[in-house]
Amino acid sequence: MSVPHPGGDPNANLYAQLKRDVLDRVPQITTVEYVPDDIEAKELRARFDPNRLAPPTGPESPKLTIKWYRQVPHDWFQVNYSDPNMGFHAGWHQDEDHPDLGPAHFQYSVDDTADRWGITFEHETPSLILWDIIEALLEDVRPQYQYSNDGS
């Protein structure tokens, strides 16, 4: 269970920036939507084309959800990827869930395997952090953790 954000409203303009500067530029992502809408956005949801991922997955589209609150000294965010075809979940969180791991952590689960550890980000700008997360997801996390137990 996730610790809720301590207060305040997410910034709909930030979500528009993340959509425009990052998510709309990722060729594996086919749709991005504001939840509940672009005026009162509280999160972003992106869907991946399962055939554009390497290796492909399917038939259902994997999903990326993003919740982000600007605050000092660190933004509060949760970026979660889930693939319903494989039962795989990966999350990058900068929240209060695991203070023993530091301000940010990565976690994943697949089959009977789950783990989490503290991480740091090279950048402080939300768009650059999200680029780093998506790059890690596509180049490292999916190949290393999603498929490590299936024999491929």
Protein backbone atom coordinates (compact mmCIF):
# COMPACT_ATOMS: atom_id res chain seq x y z
CA MET A 1 0.00 0.00 0.00
CA SER A 2 1.29 3.39 -0.92
CA VAL A 3 1.65 6.28 1.46
CA PRO A 4 -0.62 9.07 0.21
CA HIS A 5 0.86 12.39 -0.75
CA PRO A 6 0.97 14.69 2.29
CA GLY A 7 -1.13 17.41 0.68
CA GLY A 8 -1.48 19.94 -2.07
CA ASP A 9 -2.59 19.56 -5.63
CA PRO A 10 -0.57 18.20 -8.50
CA ASN A 11 0.21 20.74 -11.17
CA ALA A 12 -1.80 20.12 -14.38
CA ASN A 13 0.73 22.26 -16.25
CA LEU A 14 3.51 19.92 -15.14
CA TYR A 15 1.55 16.96 -16.53
CA ALA A 16 1.13 18.78 -19.84
CA GLN A 17 4.89 19.34 -19.92
CA LEU A 18 5.67 15.68 -19.11
CA LYS A 19 3.25 14.55 -21.82
CA ARG A 20 4.59 16.96 -24.45
CA ASP A 21 8.32 16.75 -23.65
CA VAL A 22 8.60 13.05 -22.82
CA LEU A 23 5.66 10.70 -23.31
CA ASP A 24 4.59 11.98 -26.74
CA ARG A 25 8.16 11.40 -27.95
CA VAL A 26 8.48 7.74 -26.93
CA PRO A 27 7.69 5.65 -30.04
CA GLN A 28 6.57 2.64 -27.99
CA ILE A 29 3.81 4.71 -26.32
CA THR A 30 0.58 4.92 -28.31
CA THR A 31 -1.77 6.89 -26.05
CA VAL A 32 -1.45 9.29 -23.11
CA GLU A 33 -4.40 10.49 -21.08
CA TYR A 34 -4.91 12.89 -18.19
CA VAL A 35 -6.86 11.55 -15.23
CA PRO A 36 -9.53 12.74 -14.64
CA ASP A 37 -9.00 15.33 -17.42
CA ASP A 38 -6.46 17.88 -18.67
CA ILE A 39 -7.81 20.67 -16.41
CA GLU A 40 -7.85 18.79 -13.10
CA ALA A 41 -5.12 16.28 -13.88
CA LYS A 42 -4.08 14.20 -10.89
CA GLU A 43 -2.12 11.64 -12.91
CA LEU A 44 -1.05 10.64 -16.40
CA ARG A 45 -1.68 7.22 -17.93
CA ALA A 46 0.28 6.05 -20.94
CA ARG A 47 -0.22 2.83 -22.89
CA PHE A 48 2.50 0.97 -24.74
CA ASP A 49 1.98 -0.86 -28.02
CA PRO A 50 2.91 -4.42 -26.97
CA ASN A 51 4.40 -5.10 -30.42
CA ARG A 52 6.74 -2.08 -30.28
CA LEU A 53 8.44 -3.31 -27.11
CA ALA A 54 11.59 -5.41 -27.29
CA PRO A 55 10.93 -8.20 -26.66
CA PRO A 56 7.26 -7.85 -27.65
CA THR A 57 4.56 -8.64 -25.14
CA GLY A 58 0.87 -8.98 -25.63
CA PRO A 59 -1.94 -9.03 -26.44
CA GLU A 60 -2.83 -6.43 -23.76
CA SER A 61 -1.10 -3.05 -23.68
CA PRO A 62 1.29 -2.42 -20.79
CA LYS A 63 0.54 0.76 -18.84
CA LEU A 64 2.62 3.53 -17.27
CA THR A 65 1.01 5.71 -14.58
CA ILE A 66 2.59 8.91 -13.33
CA LYS A 67 1.67 10.92 -10.23
CA TRP A 68 3.86 13.95 -9.54
CA TYR A 69 3.77 16.75 -6.98
CA ARG A 70 6.29 19.60 -7.02
CA GLN A 71 7.66 20.35 -3.55
CA VAL A 72 10.84 21.21 -1.65
CA PRO A 73 13.32 19.68 -0.95
CA HIS A 74 12.32 16.77 -3.23
CA ASP A 75 9.37 16.31 -5.54
CA TRP A 76 6.98 13.54 -4.55
CA PHE A 77 6.29 11.14 -7.41
CA GLN A 78 5.34 7.60 -8.34
CA VAL A 79 6.00 6.24 -11.83
CA ASN A 80 4.60 2.71 -12.20
CA TYR A 81 4.81 0.31 -15.14
CA SER A 82 2.61 -2.77 -15.32
CA ASP A 83 2.40 -5.47 -17.97
CA PRO A 84 -0.83 -7.50 -17.52
CA ASN A 85 0.44 -10.14 -19.95
CA MET A 86 3.36 -11.10 -17.73
CA GLY A 87 2.14 -10.05 -14.27
CA PHE A 88 5.14 -7.71 -14.13
CA HIS A 89 5.24 -4.46 -12.16
CA ALA A 90 8.07 -1.93 -11.79
CA GLY A 91 7.94 1.34 -9.91
CA TRP A 92 10.15 4.37 -9.35
CA HIS A 93 8.99 6.21 -6.25
CA GLN A 94 10.13 9.31 -4.46
CA ASP A 95 7.73 9.20 -1.54
CA GLU A 96 7.58 8.25 2.12
CA ASP A 97 6.93 4.52 1.65
CA HIS A 98 10.43 3.26 2.53
CA PRO A 99 12.42 5.91 4.44
CA ASP A 100 15.13 3.33 5.15
CA LEU A 101 15.97 3.35 1.41
CA GLY A 102 16.42 7.12 1.16
CA PRO A 103 14.25 9.66 -0.63
CA ALA A 104 13.77 7.50 -3.78
CA HIS A 105 13.56 3.80 -4.49
CA PHE A 106 12.96 1.33 -7.32
CA GLN A 107 10.83 -1.76 -6.85
CA TYR A 108 9.65 -4.61 -9.03
CA SER A 109 7.64 -7.79 -8.81
CA VAL A 110 7.10 -10.70 -11.18
CA ASP A 111 5.96 -14.25 -10.42
CA ASP A 112 7.12 -14.98 -6.86
CA THR A 113 10.04 -12.55 -7.03
CA ALA A 114 10.02 -9.01 -5.66
CA ASP A 115 12.70 -6.58 -4.53
CA ARG A 116 13.31 -2.89 -3.87
CA TRP A 117 16.33 -0.69 -3.30
CA GLY A 118 17.25 2.95 -2.95
CA ILE A 119 18.14 4.96 -6.06
CA THR A 120 19.30 8.44 -6.94
CA PHE A 121 18.56 10.54 -9.99
CA GLU A 122 21.19 12.51 -11.88
CA HIS A 123 18.70 15.31 -12.61
CA GLU A 124 16.16 17.32 -10.62
CA THR A 125 14.02 18.43 -13.56
CA PRO A 126 10.86 16.27 -13.81
CA SER A 127 11.12 15.80 -17.60
CA LEU A 128 14.73 14.62 -17.34
CA ILE A 129 13.91 12.28 -14.46
CA LEU A 130 11.03 10.79 -16.46
CA TRP A 131 13.31 10.35 -19.52
CA ASP A 132 15.81 8.49 -17.31
CA ILE A 133 13.05 6.27 -15.90
CA ILE A 134 11.64 5.35 -19.33
CA GLU A 135 15.12 4.71 -20.70
CA ALA A 136 15.90 2.44 -17.74
CA LEU A 137 12.55 0.66 -18.17
CA LEU A 138 13.07 -0.08 -21.86
CA GLU A 139 16.82 -0.78 -21.86
CA ASP A 140 17.47 -2.42 -18.49
CA VAL A 141 14.44 -3.19 -16.32
CA ARG A 142 12.23 -5.08 -18.77
CA PRO A 143 15.05 -7.23 -20.19
CA GLN A 144 16.70 -7.89 -16.83
CA TYR A 145 13.75 -8.33 -14.46
CA GLN A 146 10.62 -9.01 -16.51
CA TYR A 147 12.17 -11.84 -18.51
CA SER A 148 14.81 -13.16 -16.13
CA ASN A 149 12.63 -16.06 -14.91
CA ASP A 150 10.98 -17.21 -18.15
CA GLY A 151 13.95 -19.01 -19.67
CA SER A 152 14.37 -16.66 -22.64
